[in-house]
Amino acid sequence: MFSGKVINGFQALAATVVLCGALLLPVPANAQGDGFASRGISSGQAANIARSATGGKVLSVSPSGAYFRVRILKNNGVVTNVLVARETGQIVR
C-alpha cells in the first residue's frame, strides 16, 4: 500500500493549505443542526428563540410539520409548548 514516495516540504505545505481551505468552506444551513432539509432555521435556533421569548429552560425540541415544538420549563415551574415557524423563526404560539 505504501509506495515509498517521499514528499518534499513544498508538497506537504500545499496539501496542508488545500485541506485547511476545505475546512473554511461555508456549510449550507440545511446541513446543520437537526438534519431536516429546509431553508429555515435549525432546531437549536428554534430553542434559542423560544428561550428568549419565555425566559425559561428548554426541555426538548421536535419538528412538527412547518414548525418546531419547543417544550419550555418556565421560571414559575409551568411547562409550556412554544411553536416556532421553521421557515421564518417567528413564534406562532
PDB file of N, CA and C in Angstrom:
ATOM      1  N   MET A   1       0.803  -1.181   0.000  1.00  0.00           N
ATOM      2  CA  MET A   1       0.000   0.000   0.000  1.00  0.00           C
ATOM      3  C   MET A   1       0.860   1.264   0.000  1.00  0.00           C
ATOM      4  N   PHE A   2       1.917   1.285   0.794  1.00  0.00           N
ATOM      5  CA  PHE A   2       2.784   2.455   0.856  1.00  0.00           C
ATOM      6  C   PHE A   2       3.748   2.396  -0.299  1.00  0.00           C
ATOM      7  N   SER A   3       3.743   3.457  -1.107  1.00  0.00           N
ATOM      8  CA  SER A   3       4.566   3.449  -2.320  1.00  0.00           C
ATOM      9  C   SER A   3       6.020   3.771  -2.029  1.00  0.00           C
ATOM     10  N   GLY A   4       6.297   4.258  -0.852  1.00  0.00           N
ATOM     11  CA  GLY A   4       7.662   4.603  -0.511  1.00  0.00           C
ATOM     12  C   GLY A   4       8.068   5.969  -1.014  1.00  0.00           C
ATOM     13  N   LYS A   5       7.168   6.689  -1.645  1.00  0.00           N
ATOM     14  CA  LYS A   5       7.479   8.008  -2.179  1.00  0.00           C
ATOM     15  C   LYS A   5       7.532   9.020  -1.037  1.00  0.00           C
ATOM     16  N   VAL A   6       8.581   9.808  -1.024  1.00  0.00           N
ATOM     17  CA  VAL A   6       8.757  10.838  -0.006  1.00  0.00           C
ATOM     18  C   VAL A   6       8.360  12.174  -0.622  1.00  0.00           C
ATOM     19  N   ILE A   7       7.541  12.935   0.106  1.00  0.00           N
ATOM     20  CA  ILE A   7       7.152  14.248  -0.409  1.00  0.00           C
ATOM     21  C   ILE A   7       8.057  15.301   0.202  1.00  0.00           C
ATOM     22  N   ASN A   8       8.273  16.349  -0.555  1.00  0.00           N
ATOM     23  CA  ASN A   8       9.133  17.411  -0.044  1.00  0.00           C
ATOM     24  C   ASN A   8       8.308  18.405   0.774  1.00  0.00           C
ATOM     25  N   GLY A   9       8.962  19.349   1.362  1.00  0.00           N
ATOM     26  CA  GLY A   9       8.310  20.334   2.227  1.00  0.00           C
ATOM     27  C   GLY A   9       7.257  21.153   1.505  1.00  0.00           C
ATOM     28  N   PHE A  10       7.518  21.512   0.246  1.00  0.00           N
ATOM     29  CA  PHE A  10       6.543  22.305  -0.507  1.00  0.00           C
ATOM     30  C   PHE A  10       5.264  21.519  -0.749  1.00  0.00           C
ATOM     31  N   GLN A  11       5.398  20.232  -1.095  1.00  0.00           N
ATOM     32  CA  GLN A  11       4.222  19.394  -1.333  1.00  0.00           C
ATOM     33  C   GLN A  11       3.404  19.231  -0.052  1.00  0.00           C
ATOM     34  N   ALA A  12       4.078  19.070   1.067  1.00  0.00           N
ATOM     35  CA  ALA A  12       3.390  18.939   2.342  1.00  0.00           C
ATOM     36  C   ALA A  12       2.654  20.232   2.690  1.00  0.00           C
ATOM     37  N   LEU A  13       3.297  21.378   2.446  1.00  0.00           N
ATOM     38  CA  LEU A  13       2.671  22.664   2.716  1.00  0.00           C
ATOM     39  C   LEU A  13       1.456  22.864   1.819  1.00  0.00           C
ATOM     40  N   ALA A  14       1.586  22.530   0.539  1.00  0.00           N
ATOM     41  CA  ALA A  14       0.468  22.681  -0.400  1.00  0.00           C
ATOM     42  C   ALA A  14      -0.710  21.802   0.015  1.00  0.00           C
ATOM     43  N   ALA A  15      -0.433  20.577   0.423  1.00  0.00           N
ATOM     44  CA  ALA A  15      -1.502  19.674   0.856  1.00  0.00           C
ATOM     45  C   ALA A  15      -2.191  20.214   2.106  1.00  0.00           C
ATOM     46  N   THR A  16      -1.429  20.785   3.020  1.00  0.00           N
ATOM     47  CA  THR A  16      -1.991  21.355   4.243  1.00  0.00           C
ATOM     48  C   THR A  16      -2.881  22.543   3.924  1.00  0.00           C
ATOM     49  N   VAL A  17      -2.444  23.394   3.017  1.00  0.00           N
ATOM     50  CA  VAL A  17      -3.238  24.569   2.628  1.00  0.00           C
ATOM     51  C   VAL A  17      -4.554  24.136   1.989  1.00  0.00           C
ATOM     52  N   VAL A  18      -4.502  23.127   1.120  1.00  0.00           N
ATOM     53  CA  VAL A  18      -5.721  22.643   0.467  1.00  0.00           C
ATOM     54  C   VAL A  18      -6.686  22.076   1.496  1.00  0.00           C
ATOM     55  N   LEU A  19      -6.189  21.265   2.422  1.00  0.00           N
ATOM     56  CA  LEU A  19      -7.050  20.673   3.439  1.00  0.00           C
ATOM     57  C   LEU A  19      -7.644  21.727   4.356  1.00  0.00           C
ATOM     58  N   CYS A  20      -6.854  22.685   4.788  1.00  0.00           N
ATOM     59  CA  CYS A  20      -7.351  23.748   5.669  1.00  0.00           C
ATOM     60  C   CYS A  20      -8.342  24.637   4.937  1.00  0.00           C
ATOM     61  N   GLY A  21      -8.106  24.892   3.669  1.00  0.00           N
ATOM     62  CA  GLY A  21      -9.031  25.696   2.882  1.00  0.00           C
ATOM     63  C   GLY A  21     -10.389  25.037   2.772  1.00  0.00           C
ATOM     64  N   ALA A  22     -10.417  23.722   2.654  1.00  0.00           N
ATOM     65  CA  ALA A  22     -11.683  23.000   2.561  1.00  0.00           C
ATOM     66  C   ALA A  22     -12.483  23.134   3.852  1.00  0.00           C
ATOM     67  N   LEU A  23     -11.808  23.257   4.977  1.00  0.00           N
ATOM     68  CA  LEU A  23     -12.499  23.422   6.255  1.00  0.00           C
ATOM     69  C   LEU A  23     -13.163  24.777   6.379  1.00  0.00           C
ATOM     70  N   LEU A  24     -12.734  25.744   5.607  1.00  0.00           N
ATOM     71  CA  LEU A  24     -13.284  27.089   5.684  1.00  0.00           C
ATOM     72  C   LEU A  24     -14.467  27.310   4.760  1.00  0.00           C
ATOM     73  N   LEU A  25     -14.814  26.312   3.933  1.00  0.00           N
ATOM     74  CA  LEU A  25     -15.933  26.460   3.024  1.00  0.00           C
ATOM     75  C   LEU A  25     -17.232  26.561   3.818  1.00  0.00           C
ATOM     76  N   PRO A  26     -18.171  27.389   3.383  1.00  0.00           N
ATOM     77  CA  PRO A  26     -19.433  27.517   4.114  1.00  0.00           C
ATOM     78  C   PRO A  26     -20.248  26.238   4.029  1.00  0.00           C
ATOM     79  N   VAL A  27     -20.979  25.964   5.078  1.00  0.00           N
ATOM     80  CA  VAL A  27     -21.844  24.791   5.129  1.00  0.00           C
ATOM     81  C   VAL A  27     -23.269  25.278   4.930  1.00  0.00           C
ATOM     82  N   PRO A  28     -24.026  24.669   4.014  1.00  0.00           N
ATOM     83  CA  PRO A  28     -25.407  25.098   3.806  1.00  0.00           C
ATOM     84  C   PRO A  28     -26.224  24.974   5.086  1.00  0.00           C
ATOM     85  N   ALA A  29     -27.174  25.884   5.275  1.00  0.00           N
ATOM     86  CA  ALA A  29     -27.976  25.900   6.501  1.00  0.00           C
ATOM     87  C   ALA A  29     -28.713  24.588   6.703  1.00  0.00           C
ATOM     88  N   ASN A  30     -29.154  23.946   5.624  1.00  0.00           N
ATOM     89  CA  ASN A  30     -29.904  22.708   5.780  1.00  0.00           C
ATOM     90  C   ASN A  30     -29.010  21.523   6.118  1.00  0.00           C
ATOM     91  N   ALA A  31     -27.701  21.708   6.155  1.00  0.00           N
ATOM     92  CA  ALA A  31     -26.797  20.618   6.511  1.00  0.00           C
ATOM     93  C   ALA A  31     -26.373  20.707   7.976  1.00  0.00           C
ATOM     94  N   GLN A  32     -26.876  21.669   8.683  1.00  0.00           N
ATOM     95  CA  GLN A  32     -26.503  21.860  10.082  1.00  0.00           C
ATOM     96  C   GLN A  32     -27.649  21.447  10.993  1.00  0.00           C
ATOM     97  N   GLY A  33     -27.330  21.256  12.246  1.00  0.00           N
ATOM     98  CA  GLY A  33     -28.348  21.084  13.264  1.00  0.00           C
ATOM     99  C   GLY A  33     -29.069  19.761  13.190  1.00  0.00           C
ATOM    100  N   ASP A  34     -30.385  19.794  12.985  1.00  0.00           N
ATOM    101  CA  ASP A  34     -31.223  18.629  13.163  1.00  0.00           C
ATOM    102  C   ASP A  34     -31.285  17.680  11.983  1.00  0.00           C
ATOM    103  N   GLY A  35     -30.690  18.008  10.854  1.00  0.00           N
ATOM    104  CA  GLY A  35     -30.680  17.112   9.710  1.00  0.00           C
ATOM    105  C   GLY A  35     -31.912  17.182   8.829  1.00  0.00           C
ATOM    106  N   PHE A  36     -32.846  18.079   9.101  1.00  0.00           N
ATOM    107  CA  PHE A  36     -34.020  18.229   8.256  1.00  0.00           C
ATOM    108  C   PHE A  36     -33.694  19.174   7.123  1.00  0.00           C
ATOM    109  N   ALA A  37     -34.058  18.776   5.921  1.00  0.00           N
ATOM    110  CA  ALA A  37     -33.749  19.588   4.738  1.00  0.00           C
ATOM    111  C   ALA A  37     -34.782  20.706   4.609  1.00  0.00           C
ATOM    112  N   SER A  38     -34.429  21.875   5.048  1.00  0.00           N
ATOM    113  CA  SER A  38     -35.282  23.049   4.888  1.00  0.00           C
ATOM    114  C   SER A  38     -34.390  24.274   4.818  1.00  0.00           C
ATOM    115  N   ARG A  39     -34.930  25.344   4.282  1.00  0.00           N
ATOM    116  CA  ARG A  39     -34.139  26.558   4.167  1.00  0.00           C
ATOM    117  C   ARG A  39     -34.277  27.431   5.398  1.00  0.00           C
ATOM    118  N   GLY A  40     -35.081  27.033   6.344  1.00  0.00           N
ATOM    119  CA  GLY A  40     -35.355  27.862   7.510  1.00  0.00           C
ATOM    120  C   GLY A  40     -34.332  27.695   8.609  1.00  0.00           C
ATOM    121  N   ILE A  41     -34.804  27.808   9.816  1.00  0.00           N
ATOM    122  CA  ILE A  41     -33.947  27.785  11.000  1.00  0.00           C
ATOM    123  C   ILE A  41     -33.673  26.346  11.441  1.00  0.00           C
ATOM    124  N   SER A  42     -32.660  26.185  12.264  1.00  0.00           N
ATOM    125  CA  SER A  42     -32.333  24.871  12.823  1.00  0.00           C
ATOM    126  C   SER A  42     -33.090  24.680  14.133  1.00  0.00           C
ATOM    127  N   SER A  43     -33.067  23.469  14.651  1.00  0.00           N
ATOM    128  CA  SER A  43     -33.731  23.198  15.925  1.00  0.00           C
ATOM    129  C   SER A  43     -33.059  23.975  17.064  1.00  0.00           C
ATOM    130  N   GLY A  44     -31.746  24.151  16.983  1.00  0.00           N
ATOM    131  CA  GLY A  44     -31.038  24.933  18.003  1.00  0.00           C
ATOM    132  C   GLY A  44     -31.443  26.396  17.989  1.00  0.00           C
ATOM    133  N   GLN A  45     -31.649  26.933  16.785  1.00  0.00           N
ATOM    134  CA  GLN A  45     -32.101  28.316  16.677  1.00  0.00           C
ATOM    135  C   GLN A  45     -33.518  28.453  17.217  1.00  0.00           C
ATOM    136  N   ALA A  46     -34.377  27.455  16.943  1.00  0.00           N
ATOM    137  CA  ALA A  46     -35.746  27.480  17.470  1.00  0.00           C
ATOM    138  C   ALA A  46     -35.720  27.460  18.998  1.00  0.00           C
ATOM    139  N   ALA A  47     -34.837  26.659  19.574  1.00  0.00           N
ATOM    140  CA  ALA A  47     -34.716  26.603  21.038  1.00  0.00           C
ATOM    141  C   ALA A  47     -34.300  27.960  21.593  1.00  0.00           C
ATOM    142  N   ASN A  48     -33.340  28.604  20.962  1.00  0.00           N
ATOM    143  CA  ASN A  48     -32.886  29.922  21.426  1.00  0.00           C
ATOM    144  C   ASN A  48     -33.986  30.965  21.321  1.00  0.00           C
ATOM    145  N   ILE A  49     -34.753  30.924  20.245  1.00  0.00           N
ATOM    146  CA  ILE A  49     -35.856  31.874  20.059  1.00  0.00           C
ATOM    147  C   ILE A  49     -36.905  31.686  21.149  1.00  0.00           C
ATOM    148  N   ALA A  50     -37.292  30.439  21.394  1.00  0.00           N
ATOM    149  CA  ALA A  50     -38.313  30.154  22.406  1.00  0.00           C
ATOM    150  C   ALA A  50     -37.814  30.507  23.807  1.00  0.00           C
ATOM    151  N   ARG A  51     -36.561  30.197  24.096  1.00  0.00           N
ATOM    152  CA  ARG A  51     -35.988  30.507  25.415  1.00  0.00           C
ATOM    153  C   ARG A  51     -35.951  32.016  25.640  1.00  0.00           C
ATOM    154  N   SER A  52     -35.565  32.761  24.624  1.00  0.00           N
ATOM    155  CA  SER A  52     -35.510  34.223  24.745  1.00  0.00           C
ATOM    156  C   SER A  52     -36.888  34.815  24.980  1.00  0.00           C
ATOM    157  N   ALA A  53     -37.897  34.241  24.348  1.00  0.00           N
ATOM    158  CA  ALA A  53     -39.255  34.774  24.467  1.00  0.00           C
ATOM    159  C   ALA A  53     -39.904  34.447  25.806  1.00  0.00           C
ATOM    160  N   THR A  54     -39.535  33.313  26.403  1.00  0.00           N
ATOM    161  CA  THR A  54     -40.209  32.879  27.627  1.00  0.00           C
ATOM    162  C   THR A  54     -39.365  33.038  28.888  1.00  0.00           C
ATOM    163  N   GLY A  55     -38.067  33.107  28.730  1.00  0.00           N
ATOM    164  CA  GLY A  55     -37.191  33.206  29.890  1.00  0.00           C
ATOM    165  C   GLY A  55     -37.047  31.901  30.642  1.00  0.00           C
ATOM    166  N   GLY A  56     -37.464  30.786  30.039  1.00  0.00           N
ATOM    167  CA  GLY A  56     -37.398  29.505  30.719  1.00  0.00           C
ATOM    168  C   GLY A  56     -36.251  28.635  30.244  1.00  0.00           C
ATOM    169  N   LYS A  57     -36.353  27.350  30.598  1.00  0.00           N
ATOM    170  CA  LYS A  57     -35.337  26.357  30.242  1.00  0.00           C
ATOM    171  C   LYS A  57     -35.924  25.427  29.183  1.00  0.00           C
ATOM    172  N   VAL A  58     -35.169  25.177  28.116  1.00  0.00           N
ATOM    173  CA  VAL A  58     -35.630  24.300  27.041  1.00  0.00           C
ATOM    174  C   VAL A  58     -35.530  22.847  27.500  1.00  0.00           C
ATOM    175  N   LEU A  59     -36.664  22.149  27.416  1.00  0.00           N
ATOM    176  CA  LEU A  59     -36.691  20.735  27.769  1.00  0.00           C
ATOM    177  C   LEU A  59     -36.503  19.848  26.547  1.00  0.00           C
ATOM    178  N   SER A  60     -37.131  20.243  25.424  1.00  0.00           N
ATOM    179  CA  SER A  60     -36.995  19.455  24.196  1.00  0.00           C
ATOM    180  C   SER A  60     -37.412  20.295  22.996  1.00  0.00           C
ATOM    181  N   VAL A  61     -36.950  19.860  21.824  1.00  0.00           N
ATOM    182  CA  VAL A  61     -37.331  20.478  20.557  1.00  0.00           C
ATOM    183  C   VAL A  61     -37.657  19.334  19.601  1.00  0.00           C
ATOM    184  N   SER A  62     -38.828  19.416  18.968  1.00  0.00           N
ATOM    185  CA  SER A  62     -39.187  18.379  17.999  1.00  0.00           C
ATOM    186  C   SER A  62     -39.854  19.017  16.791  1.00  0.00           C
ATOM    187  N   PRO A  63     -39.584  18.481  15.600  1.00  0.00           N
ATOM    188  CA  PRO A  63     -40.222  19.005  14.401  1.00  0.00           C
ATOM    189  C   PRO A  63     -41.703  18.632  14.392  1.00  0.00           C
ATOM    190  N   SER A  64     -42.524  19.541  13.929  1.00  0.00           N
ATOM    191  CA  SER A  64     -43.959  19.302  13.849  1.00  0.00           C
ATOM    192  C   SER A  64     -44.477  20.008  12.600  1.00  0.00           C
ATOM    193  N   GLY A  65     -44.356  19.359  11.466  1.00  0.00           N
ATOM    194  CA  GLY A  65     -44.772  19.960  10.200  1.00  0.00           C
ATOM    195  C   GLY A  65     -43.931  21.172   9.863  1.00  0.00           C
ATOM    196  N   ALA A  66     -44.576  22.310   9.704  1.00  0.00           N
ATOM    197  CA  ALA A  66     -43.886  23.552   9.336  1.00  0.00           C
ATOM    198  C   ALA A  66     -43.326  24.272  10.560  1.00  0.00           C
ATOM    199  N   TYR A  67     -43.397  23.622  11.726  1.00  0.00           N
ATOM    200  CA  TYR A  67     -42.991  24.265  12.973  1.00  0.00           C
ATOM    201  C   TYR A  67     -42.020  23.385  13.755  1.00  0.00           C
ATOM    202  N   PHE A  68     -41.360  24.003  14.717  1.00  0.00           N
ATOM    203  CA  PHE A  68     -40.656  23.280  15.766  1.00  0.00           C
ATOM    204  C   PHE A  68     -41.493  23.448  17.026  1.00  0.00           C
ATOM    205  N   ARG A  69     -41.753  22.350  17.721  1.00  0.00           N
ATOM    206  CA  ARG A  69     -42.452  22.411  19.008  1.00  0.00           C
ATOM    207  C   ARG A  69     -41.371  22.397  20.080  1.00  0.00           C
ATOM    208  N   VAL A  70     -41.273  23.496  20.820  1.00  0.00           N
ATOM    209  CA  VAL A  70     -40.245  23.638  21.846  1.00  0.00           C
ATOM    210  C   VAL A  70     -40.934  23.583  23.207  1.00  0.00           C
ATOM    211  N   ARG A  71     -40.579  22.577  24.015  1.00  0.00           N
ATOM    212  CA  ARG A  71     -41.122  22.464  25.384  1.00  0.00           C
ATOM    213  C   ARG A  71     -40.221  23.266  26.301  1.00  0.00           C
ATOM    214  N   ILE A  72     -40.853  24.156  27.050  1.00  0.00           N
ATOM    215  CA  ILE A  72     -40.135  25.081  27.920  1.00  0.00           C
ATOM    216  C   ILE A  72     -40.602  24.906  29.360  1.00  0.00           C
ATOM    217  N   LEU A  73     -39.657  24.855  30.291  1.00  0.00           N
ATOM    218  CA  LEU A  73     -39.960  24.926  31.720  1.00  0.00           C
ATOM    219  C   LEU A  73     -39.767  26.378  32.117  1.00  0.00           C
ATOM    220  N   LYS A  74     -40.881  27.071  32.361  1.00  0.00           N
ATOM    221  CA  LYS A  74     -40.810  28.494  32.707  1.00  0.00           C
ATOM    222  C   LYS A  74     -40.277  28.664  34.125  1.00  0.00           C
ATOM    223  N   ASN A  75     -39.838  29.852  34.431  1.00  0.00           N
ATOM    224  CA  ASN A  75     -39.254  30.144  35.749  1.00  0.00           C
ATOM    225  C   ASN A  75     -40.248  29.934  36.897  1.00  0.00           C
ATOM    226  N   ASN A  76     -41.556  29.997  36.592  1.00  0.00           N
ATOM    227  CA  ASN A  76     -42.559  29.784  37.636  1.00  0.00           C
ATOM    228  C   ASN A  76     -42.926  28.308  37.802  1.00  0.00           C
ATOM    229  N   GLY A  77     -42.232  27.405  37.098  1.00  0.00           N
ATOM    230  CA  GLY A  77     -42.439  25.970  37.231  1.00  0.00           C
ATOM    231  C   GLY A  77     -43.434  25.372  36.260  1.00  0.00           C
ATOM    232  N   VAL A  78     -44.045  26.167  35.426  1.00  0.00           N
ATOM    233  CA  VAL A  78     -45.030  25.687  34.453  1.00  0.00           C
ATOM    234  C   VAL A  78     -44.316  25.238  33.177  1.00  0.00           C
ATOM    235  N   VAL A  79     -44.728  24.080  32.648  1.00  0.00           N
ATOM    236  CA  VAL A  79     -44.194  23.593  31.375  1.00  0.00           C
ATOM    237  C   VAL A  79     -45.156  24.040  30.276  1.00  0.00           C
ATOM    238  N   THR A  80     -44.610  24.627  29.233  1.00  0.00           N
ATOM    239  CA  THR A  80     -45.423  25.119  28.122  1.00  0.00           C
ATOM    240  C   THR A  80     -44.779  24.734  26.797  1.00  0.00           C
ATOM    241  N   ASN A  81     -45.607  24.694  25.761  1.00  0.00           N
ATOM    242  CA  ASN A  81     -45.124  24.427  24.404  1.00  0.00           C
ATOM    243  C   ASN A  81     -45.112  25.726  23.617  1.00  0.00           C
ATOM    244  N   VAL A  82     -44.038  25.966  22.891  1.00  0.00           N
ATOM    245  CA  VAL A  82     -43.923  27.126  22.028  1.00  0.00           C
ATOM    246  C   VAL A  82     -43.731  26.608  20.607  1.00  0.00           C
ATOM    247  N   LEU A  83     -44.557  27.081  19.675  1.00  0.00           N
ATOM    248  CA  LEU A  83     -44.406  26.714  18.278  1.00  0.00           C
ATOM    249  C   LEU A  83     -43.615  27.801  17.570  1.00  0.00           C
ATOM    250  N   VAL A  84     -42.531  27.393  16.926  1.00  0.00           N
ATOM    251  CA  VAL A  84     -41.674  28.321  16.188  1.00  0.00           C
ATOM    252  C   VAL A  84     -41.702  27.898  14.721  1.00  0.00           C
ATOM    253  N   ALA A  85     -42.049  28.827  13.837  1.00  0.00           N
ATOM    254  CA  ALA A  85     -42.113  28.528  12.408  1.00  0.00           C
ATOM    255  C   ALA A  85     -40.722  28.175  11.895  1.00  0.00           C
ATOM    256  N   ARG A  86     -40.607  27.044  11.220  1.00  0.00           N
ATOM    257  CA  ARG A  86     -39.311  26.579  10.728  1.00  0.00           C
ATOM    258  C   ARG A  86     -38.749  27.479   9.640  1.00  0.00           C
ATOM    259  N   GLU A  87     -39.618  28.046   8.827  1.00  0.00           N
ATOM    260  CA  GLU A  87     -39.178  28.855   7.704  1.00  0.00           C
ATOM    261  C   GLU A  87     -38.736  30.252   8.123  1.00  0.00           C
ATOM    262  N   THR A  88     -39.464  30.871   9.070  1.00  0.00           N
ATOM    263  CA  THR A  88     -39.231  32.265   9.426  1.00  0.00           C
ATOM    264  C   THR A  88     -38.626  32.490  10.801  1.00  0.00           C
ATOM    265  N   GLY A  89     -38.795  31.527  11.711  1.00  0.00           N
ATOM    266  CA  GLY A  89     -38.314  31.699  13.079  1.00  0.00           C
ATOM    267  C   GLY A  89     -39.277  32.483  13.961  1.00  0.00           C
ATOM    268  N   GLN A  90     -40.456  32.785  13.450  1.00  0.00           N
ATOM    269  CA  GLN A  90     -41.436  33.528  14.245  1.00  0.00           C
ATOM    270  C   GLN A  90     -42.172  32.594  15.185  1.00  0.00           C
ATOM    271  N   ILE A  91     -42.491  33.108  16.371  1.00  0.00           N
ATOM    272  CA  ILE A  91     -43.271  32.337  17.326  1.00  0.00           C
ATOM    273  C   ILE A  91     -44.738  32.401  16.912  1.00  0.00           C
ATOM    274  N   VAL A  92     -45.340  31.237  16.800  1.00  0.00           N
ATOM    275  CA  VAL A  92     -46.740  31.147  16.392  1.00  0.00           C
ATOM    276  C   VAL A  92     -47.625  31.075  17.611  1.00  0.00           C
ATOM    277  N   ARG A  93     -47.167  30.353  18.619  1.00  0.00           N
ATOM    278  CA  ARG A  93     -47.957  30.194  19.845  1.00  0.00           C
ATOM    279  C   ARG A  93     -47.032  29.919  20.988  1.00  0.00           C
TER     280      ARG A  93
END
